[in-house]
Amino acid sequence: MASDLPGNDLRVTPAVLIPAAELRWRFSRSSGPGGQNVNTTDSRVELVFDLGASASLPAVLQARALRRLEGRLVEGAVAVAASEHRSQWQNRVAAQRRLVALLQEALRPPPLPRRATRPSRGSVERRLTAKKQRGAIKARRAQRGRGGEE
């Protein structure tokens, strides 16, 4: 899949394509598996997308994403990191997939509002019957307890 290759444009939705020029990559040394190779290879990847300054998103979608991701944004940019693989290439692919998943969730339209409904007559009656039965059980318990103390 072409969007899985680092350095290419990112297809977030069929209507949204983020050009590679709007993505910034940072590489650093990773912790974890890799033995002595970890000490010499910059395999940790951080992918930064400046959501606030992006021209690739329509204004409505950009506002929705900014609102939903406001806790993750640093100066209008969202960053994802990947360091679980020993290979920088695999970590780049993982970071791109995470960014796409994050943006897809942020761009998803809000759910339809709940339409208020009244409980049915039968459900109200069942609830009240259950409450009366539970109250009767507790009343019997209280009578039994008083009878033993006298």
N, C-alpha and C. Protein backbone atom coordinates (compact mmCIF):
# COMPACT_ATOMS: atom_id res chain seq x y z
N MET A 1 0.85 -1.18 0.00
CA MET A 1 0.00 0.00 0.00
C MET A 1 0.89 1.23 0.00
N ALA A 2 0.66 2.16 -0.90
CA ALA A 2 1.55 3.30 -1.08
C ALA A 2 1.57 4.21 0.14
N SER A 3 0.46 4.33 0.88
CA SER A 3 0.43 5.23 2.03
C SER A 3 1.23 4.68 3.20
N ASP A 4 1.60 3.40 3.16
CA ASP A 4 2.39 2.80 4.23
C ASP A 4 3.88 3.08 4.05
N LEU A 5 4.26 3.65 2.94
CA LEU A 5 5.67 3.90 2.70
C LEU A 5 6.04 5.28 3.22
N PRO A 6 6.98 5.36 4.17
CA PRO A 6 7.39 6.65 4.69
C PRO A 6 7.92 7.55 3.58
N GLY A 7 7.62 8.82 3.70
CA GLY A 7 8.07 9.78 2.70
C GLY A 7 7.00 10.08 1.67
N ASN A 8 5.94 9.28 1.63
CA ASN A 8 4.84 9.51 0.70
C ASN A 8 3.75 10.30 1.38
N ASP A 9 2.79 10.77 0.58
CA ASP A 9 1.63 11.46 1.13
C ASP A 9 0.81 10.47 1.95
N LEU A 10 0.10 11.00 2.95
CA LEU A 10 -0.72 10.15 3.82
C LEU A 10 -2.18 10.28 3.44
N ARG A 11 -2.82 9.16 3.13
CA ARG A 11 -4.25 9.15 2.84
C ARG A 11 -4.97 8.87 4.15
N VAL A 12 -5.66 9.89 4.71
CA VAL A 12 -6.36 9.74 5.98
C VAL A 12 -7.77 9.23 5.72
N THR A 13 -8.48 9.88 4.83
CA THR A 13 -9.81 9.44 4.40
C THR A 13 -9.81 9.54 2.88
N PRO A 14 -10.84 9.02 2.22
CA PRO A 14 -10.87 9.17 0.76
C PRO A 14 -10.81 10.64 0.30
N ALA A 15 -11.29 11.55 1.14
CA ALA A 15 -11.31 12.97 0.76
C ALA A 15 -10.11 13.75 1.29
N VAL A 16 -9.36 13.18 2.24
CA VAL A 16 -8.27 13.93 2.88
C VAL A 16 -6.93 13.25 2.59
N LEU A 17 -6.04 14.01 1.96
CA LEU A 17 -4.69 13.56 1.67
C LEU A 17 -3.72 14.58 2.25
N ILE A 18 -2.83 14.13 3.11
CA ILE A 18 -1.84 15.02 3.71
C ILE A 18 -0.55 14.89 2.92
N PRO A 19 -0.08 16.00 2.31
CA PRO A 19 1.17 15.91 1.55
C PRO A 19 2.36 15.65 2.46
N ALA A 20 3.35 14.97 1.94
CA ALA A 20 4.54 14.63 2.73
C ALA A 20 5.25 15.88 3.23
N ALA A 21 5.10 17.01 2.53
CA ALA A 21 5.76 18.25 2.94
C ALA A 21 5.23 18.78 4.26
N GLU A 22 4.01 18.39 4.66
CA GLU A 22 3.43 18.86 5.92
C GLU A 22 3.79 17.97 7.11
N LEU A 23 4.54 16.93 6.87
CA LEU A 23 4.95 16.01 7.94
C LEU A 23 6.41 16.25 8.29
N ARG A 24 6.70 16.28 9.58
CA ARG A 24 8.09 16.42 10.05
C ARG A 24 8.49 15.16 10.78
N TRP A 25 9.66 14.65 10.46
CA TRP A 25 10.18 13.43 11.08
C TRP A 25 11.32 13.80 12.01
N ARG A 26 11.37 13.13 13.16
CA ARG A 26 12.51 13.26 14.08
C ARG A 26 12.93 11.86 14.48
N PHE A 27 14.22 11.67 14.56
CA PHE A 27 14.76 10.35 14.88
C PHE A 27 15.66 10.47 16.10
N SER A 28 15.61 9.45 16.95
CA SER A 28 16.46 9.44 18.14
C SER A 28 16.77 8.00 18.52
N ARG A 29 17.63 7.86 19.50
CA ARG A 29 17.99 6.53 19.96
C ARG A 29 16.82 5.93 20.73
N SER A 30 16.61 4.67 20.51
CA SER A 30 15.48 3.98 21.11
C SER A 30 15.95 3.14 22.29
N SER A 31 15.04 2.92 23.23
CA SER A 31 15.33 1.98 24.30
C SER A 31 14.74 0.64 23.90
N GLY A 32 14.95 -0.37 24.69
CA GLY A 32 14.33 -1.66 24.42
C GLY A 32 15.23 -2.60 23.66
N PRO A 33 14.63 -3.56 22.93
CA PRO A 33 15.41 -4.63 22.30
C PRO A 33 16.33 -4.11 21.21
N GLY A 34 17.39 -4.83 20.97
CA GLY A 34 18.30 -4.47 19.89
C GLY A 34 19.74 -4.64 20.27
N GLY A 35 20.00 -4.94 21.53
CA GLY A 35 21.38 -5.17 21.96
C GLY A 35 22.24 -3.94 21.79
N GLN A 36 23.48 -4.13 21.38
CA GLN A 36 24.40 -3.00 21.22
C GLN A 36 23.99 -2.12 20.05
N ASN A 37 23.21 -2.66 19.13
CA ASN A 37 22.74 -1.88 17.99
C ASN A 37 21.91 -0.67 18.45
N VAL A 38 21.17 -0.81 19.56
CA VAL A 38 20.33 0.27 20.08
C VAL A 38 21.19 1.49 20.42
N ASN A 39 22.42 1.26 20.87
CA ASN A 39 23.27 2.37 21.27
C ASN A 39 23.82 3.17 20.10
N THR A 40 23.70 2.66 18.90
CA THR A 40 24.30 3.33 17.75
C THR A 40 23.29 3.74 16.68
N THR A 41 22.07 3.25 16.76
CA THR A 41 21.08 3.48 15.70
C THR A 41 19.95 4.38 16.18
N ASP A 42 19.60 5.35 15.36
CA ASP A 42 18.47 6.22 15.67
C ASP A 42 17.20 5.57 15.13
N SER A 43 16.69 4.58 15.87
CA SER A 43 15.54 3.83 15.36
C SER A 43 14.21 4.34 15.90
N ARG A 44 14.22 5.15 16.96
CA ARG A 44 12.97 5.72 17.47
C ARG A 44 12.52 6.82 16.51
N VAL A 45 11.23 6.84 16.20
CA VAL A 45 10.70 7.78 15.22
C VAL A 45 9.60 8.61 15.87
N GLU A 46 9.63 9.90 15.60
CA GLU A 46 8.55 10.78 16.02
C GLU A 46 8.05 11.51 14.78
N LEU A 47 6.77 11.42 14.53
CA LEU A 47 6.14 12.04 13.37
C LEU A 47 5.28 13.19 13.86
N VAL A 48 5.53 14.40 13.35
CA VAL A 48 4.83 15.59 13.80
C VAL A 48 4.04 16.16 12.62
N PHE A 49 2.76 16.44 12.88
CA PHE A 49 1.88 17.04 11.87
C PHE A 49 1.29 18.30 12.47
N ASP A 50 1.55 19.44 11.82
CA ASP A 50 1.03 20.73 12.31
C ASP A 50 -0.41 20.88 11.85
N LEU A 51 -1.30 20.45 12.72
CA LEU A 51 -2.73 20.43 12.40
C LEU A 51 -3.28 21.84 12.25
N GLY A 52 -2.81 22.76 13.07
CA GLY A 52 -3.32 24.13 13.04
C GLY A 52 -2.94 24.88 11.78
N ALA A 53 -1.80 24.56 11.19
CA ALA A 53 -1.32 25.29 10.01
C ALA A 53 -1.51 24.50 8.72
N SER A 54 -2.17 23.37 8.77
CA SER A 54 -2.31 22.53 7.59
C SER A 54 -3.29 23.12 6.59
N ALA A 55 -2.90 23.07 5.33
CA ALA A 55 -3.77 23.52 4.25
C ALA A 55 -4.47 22.34 3.59
N SER A 56 -4.15 21.12 4.01
CA SER A 56 -4.71 19.94 3.35
C SER A 56 -6.07 19.54 3.91
N LEU A 57 -6.47 20.11 5.04
CA LEU A 57 -7.77 19.77 5.63
C LEU A 57 -8.77 20.88 5.37
N PRO A 58 -10.00 20.54 5.02
CA PRO A 58 -11.04 21.56 4.92
C PRO A 58 -11.25 22.22 6.29
N ALA A 59 -11.69 23.46 6.29
CA ALA A 59 -11.81 24.24 7.54
C ALA A 59 -12.70 23.55 8.57
N VAL A 60 -13.79 22.94 8.13
CA VAL A 60 -14.71 22.27 9.07
C VAL A 60 -14.02 21.09 9.74
N LEU A 61 -13.34 20.26 8.94
CA LEU A 61 -12.64 19.10 9.50
C LEU A 61 -11.47 19.52 10.37
N GLN A 62 -10.78 20.59 9.98
CA GLN A 62 -9.66 21.07 10.76
C GLN A 62 -10.13 21.55 12.14
N ALA A 63 -11.23 22.29 12.17
CA ALA A 63 -11.77 22.77 13.45
C ALA A 63 -12.21 21.59 14.33
N ARG A 64 -12.83 20.58 13.72
CA ARG A 64 -13.27 19.40 14.48
C ARG A 64 -12.07 18.67 15.07
N ALA A 65 -11.04 18.48 14.27
CA ALA A 65 -9.84 17.78 14.74
C ALA A 65 -9.13 18.57 15.83
N LEU A 66 -9.04 19.89 15.66
CA LEU A 66 -8.39 20.72 16.69
C LEU A 66 -9.15 20.63 18.00
N ARG A 67 -10.47 20.62 17.94
CA ARG A 67 -11.28 20.55 19.15
C ARG A 67 -11.12 19.19 19.84
N ARG A 68 -11.14 18.11 19.05
CA ARG A 68 -11.06 16.77 19.65
C ARG A 68 -9.66 16.40 20.13
N LEU A 69 -8.64 16.96 19.51
CA LEU A 69 -7.27 16.61 19.88
C LEU A 69 -6.59 17.68 20.73
N GLU A 70 -7.36 18.61 21.26
CA GLU A 70 -6.74 19.74 21.96
C GLU A 70 -5.86 19.30 23.13
N GLY A 71 -6.14 18.18 23.76
CA GLY A 71 -5.30 17.70 24.86
C GLY A 71 -3.97 17.14 24.39
N ARG A 72 -3.86 16.76 23.13
CA ARG A 72 -2.63 16.17 22.58
C ARG A 72 -1.79 17.16 21.81
N LEU A 73 -2.34 18.34 21.54
CA LEU A 73 -1.65 19.30 20.68
C LEU A 73 -0.59 20.07 21.45
N VAL A 74 0.53 20.31 20.78
CA VAL A 74 1.57 21.18 21.30
C VAL A 74 1.78 22.26 20.25
N GLU A 75 1.33 23.47 20.56
CA GLU A 75 1.40 24.60 19.63
C GLU A 75 0.73 24.27 18.30
N GLY A 76 -0.40 23.62 18.35
CA GLY A 76 -1.17 23.30 17.15
C GLY A 76 -0.70 22.07 16.40
N ALA A 77 0.31 21.38 16.90
CA ALA A 77 0.84 20.21 16.20
C ALA A 77 0.59 18.95 17.03
N VAL A 78 0.32 17.86 16.33
CA VAL A 78 0.13 16.57 16.98
C VAL A 78 1.33 15.70 16.64
N ALA A 79 1.83 14.99 17.65
CA ALA A 79 3.01 14.15 17.45
C ALA A 79 2.71 12.72 17.88
N VAL A 80 3.21 11.76 17.11
CA VAL A 80 3.11 10.35 17.48
C VAL A 80 4.52 9.77 17.40
N ALA A 81 4.80 8.84 18.31
CA ALA A 81 6.12 8.24 18.35
C ALA A 81 5.99 6.72 18.21
N ALA A 82 7.03 6.12 17.69
CA ALA A 82 7.09 4.66 17.57
C ALA A 82 8.52 4.22 17.84
N SER A 83 8.65 3.25 18.73
CA SER A 83 9.99 2.73 19.01
C SER A 83 9.96 1.24 19.33
N GLU A 84 8.87 0.56 18.95
CA GLU A 84 8.74 -0.84 19.33
C GLU A 84 9.51 -1.79 18.42
N HIS A 85 9.92 -1.33 17.26
CA HIS A 85 10.67 -2.18 16.33
C HIS A 85 12.15 -1.84 16.38
N ARG A 86 12.96 -2.78 15.95
CA ARG A 86 14.41 -2.54 15.92
C ARG A 86 14.80 -1.72 14.69
N SER A 87 13.96 -1.74 13.69
CA SER A 87 14.25 -1.05 12.44
C SER A 87 13.60 0.32 12.41
N GLN A 88 14.35 1.32 11.97
CA GLN A 88 13.79 2.66 11.83
C GLN A 88 12.65 2.66 10.80
N TRP A 89 12.83 1.90 9.74
CA TRP A 89 11.82 1.84 8.68
C TRP A 89 10.48 1.32 9.23
N GLN A 90 10.53 0.24 10.01
CA GLN A 90 9.31 -0.31 10.59
C GLN A 90 8.68 0.69 11.56
N ASN A 91 9.50 1.40 12.31
CA ASN A 91 8.97 2.41 13.22
C ASN A 91 8.35 3.58 12.47
N ARG A 92 8.90 3.92 11.32
CA ARG A 92 8.29 4.99 10.50
C ARG A 92 6.91 4.56 10.01
N VAL A 93 6.82 3.32 9.56
CA VAL A 93 5.52 2.81 9.10
C VAL A 93 4.52 2.79 10.26
N ALA A 94 4.98 2.35 11.44
CA ALA A 94 4.10 2.30 12.62
C ALA A 94 3.64 3.70 13.01
N ALA A 95 4.52 4.68 12.95
CA ALA A 95 4.16 6.05 13.31
C ALA A 95 3.13 6.61 12.33
N GLN A 96 3.31 6.33 11.05
CA GLN A 96 2.33 6.79 10.06
C GLN A 96 0.96 6.17 10.31
N ARG A 97 0.95 4.87 10.59
CA ARG A 97 -0.33 4.21 10.85
C ARG A 97 -1.02 4.80 12.08
N ARG A 98 -0.23 5.09 13.12
CA ARG A 98 -0.81 5.69 14.33
C ARG A 98 -1.38 7.07 14.05
N LEU A 99 -0.66 7.86 13.28
CA LEU A 99 -1.15 9.20 12.95
C LEU A 99 -2.44 9.12 12.14
N VAL A 100 -2.48 8.22 11.17
CA VAL A 100 -3.69 8.06 10.35
C VAL A 100 -4.86 7.64 11.23
N ALA A 101 -4.65 6.68 12.13
CA ALA A 101 -5.73 6.22 13.01
C ALA A 101 -6.21 7.34 13.93
N LEU A 102 -5.27 8.12 14.44
CA LEU A 102 -5.61 9.23 15.32
C LEU A 102 -6.43 10.29 14.58
N LEU A 103 -6.01 10.62 13.38
CA LEU A 103 -6.72 11.63 12.59
C LEU A 103 -8.08 11.11 12.12
N GLN A 104 -8.16 9.84 11.76
CA GLN A 104 -9.46 9.29 11.35
C GLN A 104 -10.46 9.39 12.49
N GLU A 105 -10.02 9.08 13.71
CA GLU A 105 -10.90 9.17 14.87
C GLU A 105 -11.30 10.62 15.13
N ALA A 106 -10.36 11.55 14.98
CA ALA A 106 -10.64 12.96 15.24
C ALA A 106 -11.54 13.57 14.18
N LEU A 107 -11.48 13.07 12.96
CA LEU A 107 -12.27 13.64 11.86
C LEU A 107 -13.64 13.00 11.72
N ARG A 108 -13.87 11.90 12.43
CA ARG A 108 -15.16 11.21 12.34
C ARG A 108 -16.28 12.16 12.76
N PRO A 109 -17.39 12.17 12.02
CA PRO A 109 -18.49 13.07 12.40
C PRO A 109 -19.06 12.69 13.76
N PRO A 110 -19.58 13.67 14.49
CA PRO A 110 -20.13 13.35 15.81
C PRO A 110 -21.36 12.46 15.68
N PRO A 111 -21.61 11.64 16.71
CA PRO A 111 -22.79 10.76 16.64
C PRO A 111 -24.07 11.59 16.69
N LEU A 112 -25.14 11.01 16.16
CA LEU A 112 -26.43 11.69 16.21
C LEU A 112 -26.87 11.83 17.66
N PRO A 113 -27.51 12.95 17.99
CA PRO A 113 -27.94 13.11 19.38
C PRO A 113 -29.01 12.08 19.74
N ARG A 114 -29.05 11.72 21.00
CA ARG A 114 -30.01 10.73 21.47
C ARG A 114 -31.40 11.36 21.46
N ARG A 115 -32.34 10.59 20.96
CA ARG A 115 -33.72 11.06 20.97
C ARG A 115 -34.37 10.54 22.24
N ALA A 116 -34.86 11.46 23.06
CA ALA A 116 -35.44 11.07 24.34
C ALA A 116 -36.72 10.27 24.12
N THR A 117 -36.86 9.19 24.87
CA THR A 117 -38.07 8.36 24.80
C THR A 117 -38.59 8.15 26.21
N ARG A 118 -39.89 7.88 26.30
CA ARG A 118 -40.48 7.59 27.60
C ARG A 118 -40.44 6.10 27.84
N PRO A 119 -40.28 5.71 29.11
CA PRO A 119 -40.32 4.27 29.39
C PRO A 119 -41.73 3.74 29.13
N SER A 120 -41.81 2.51 28.67
CA SER A 120 -43.12 1.94 28.38
C SER A 120 -43.88 1.68 29.70
N ARG A 121 -45.17 1.54 29.59
CA ARG A 121 -46.00 1.31 30.77
C ARG A 121 -45.60 0.00 31.45
N GLY A 122 -45.31 -1.03 30.63
CA GLY A 122 -44.92 -2.32 31.18
C GLY A 122 -43.60 -2.24 31.94
N SER A 123 -42.64 -1.47 31.42
CA SER A 123 -41.34 -1.38 32.09
C SER A 123 -41.48 -0.61 33.41
N VAL A 124 -42.33 0.40 33.44
CA VAL A 124 -42.56 1.14 34.69
C VAL A 124 -43.19 0.20 35.73
N GLU A 125 -44.20 -0.57 35.29
CA GLU A 125 -44.86 -1.49 36.21
C GLU A 125 -43.89 -2.55 36.74
N ARG A 126 -43.05 -3.09 35.86
CA ARG A 126 -42.06 -4.09 36.29
C ARG A 126 -41.09 -3.50 37.31
N ARG A 127 -40.65 -2.27 37.07
CA ARG A 127 -39.71 -1.62 37.99
C ARG A 127 -40.36 -1.42 39.35
N LEU A 128 -41.59 -0.93 39.36
CA LEU A 128 -42.28 -0.68 40.64
C LEU A 128 -42.57 -1.99 41.38
N THR A 129 -42.93 -3.05 40.63
CA THR A 129 -43.17 -4.35 41.26
C THR A 129 -41.89 -4.87 41.91
N ALA A 130 -40.78 -4.75 41.20
CA ALA A 130 -39.50 -5.20 41.74
C ALA A 130 -39.13 -4.41 42.99
N LYS A 131 -39.40 -3.10 42.98
CA LYS A 131 -39.10 -2.27 44.16
C LYS A 131 -39.95 -2.71 45.36
N LYS A 132 -41.22 -3.00 45.11
CA LYS A 132 -42.10 -3.44 46.21
C LYS A 132 -41.63 -4.78 46.77
N GLN A 133 -41.24 -5.70 45.88
CA GLN A 133 -40.75 -7.01 46.34
C GLN A 133 -39.49 -6.85 47.18
N ARG A 134 -38.59 -6.00 46.73
CA ARG A 134 -37.34 -5.78 47.46
C ARG A 134 -37.63 -5.13 48.82
N GLY A 135 -38.57 -4.19 48.83
CA GLY A 135 -38.95 -3.54 50.10
C GLY A 135 -39.59 -4.54 51.06
N ALA A 136 -40.41 -5.48 50.53
CA ALA A 136 -41.04 -6.50 51.38
C ALA A 136 -39.98 -7.41 51.99
N ILE A 137 -38.97 -7.77 51.22
CA ILE A 137 -37.88 -8.61 51.75
C ILE A 137 -37.20 -7.90 52.90
N LYS A 138 -36.91 -6.63 52.73
CA LYS A 138 -36.22 -5.86 53.78
C LYS A 138 -37.12 -5.69 55.00
N ALA A 139 -38.43 -5.52 54.76
CA ALA A 139 -39.36 -5.37 55.89
C ALA A 139 -39.41 -6.67 56.71
N ARG A 140 -39.44 -7.83 56.02
CA ARG A 140 -39.44 -9.11 56.73
C ARG A 140 -38.15 -9.28 57.55
N ARG A 141 -37.04 -8.85 56.97
CA ARG A 141 -35.77 -8.92 57.68
C ARG A 141 -35.83 -8.08 58.96
N ALA A 142 -36.39 -6.90 58.86
CA ALA A 142 -36.47 -6.00 60.02
C ALA A 142 -37.38 -6.60 61.09
N GLN A 143 -38.51 -7.23 60.68
CA GLN A 143 -39.42 -7.84 61.66
C GLN A 143 -38.74 -9.01 62.36
N ARG A 144 -38.00 -9.79 61.60
CA ARG A 144 -37.30 -10.94 62.17
C ARG A 144 -36.26 -10.45 63.17
N GLY A 145 -35.57 -9.37 62.83
CA GLY A 145 -34.55 -8.83 63.72
C GLY A 145 -35.13 -8.28 65.00
N ARG A 146 -36.30 -7.62 64.93
CA ARG A 146 -36.93 -7.06 66.13
C ARG A 146 -37.45 -8.17 67.04
N GLY A 147 -37.96 -9.24 66.44
CA GLY A 147 -38.52 -10.37 67.21
C GLY A 147 -37.46 -11.04 68.06
N GLY A 148 -36.22 -11.11 67.62
CA GLY A 148 -35.16 -11.79 68.36
C GLY A 148 -34.61 -10.94 69.49
N GLU A 149 -34.76 -9.60 69.42
CA GLU A 149 -34.17 -8.70 70.41
C GLU A 149 -35.10 -8.52 71.62
N GLU A 150 -36.38 -8.72 71.44
CA GLU A 150 -37.33 -8.43 72.53
C GLU A 150 -37.29 -9.40 73.64
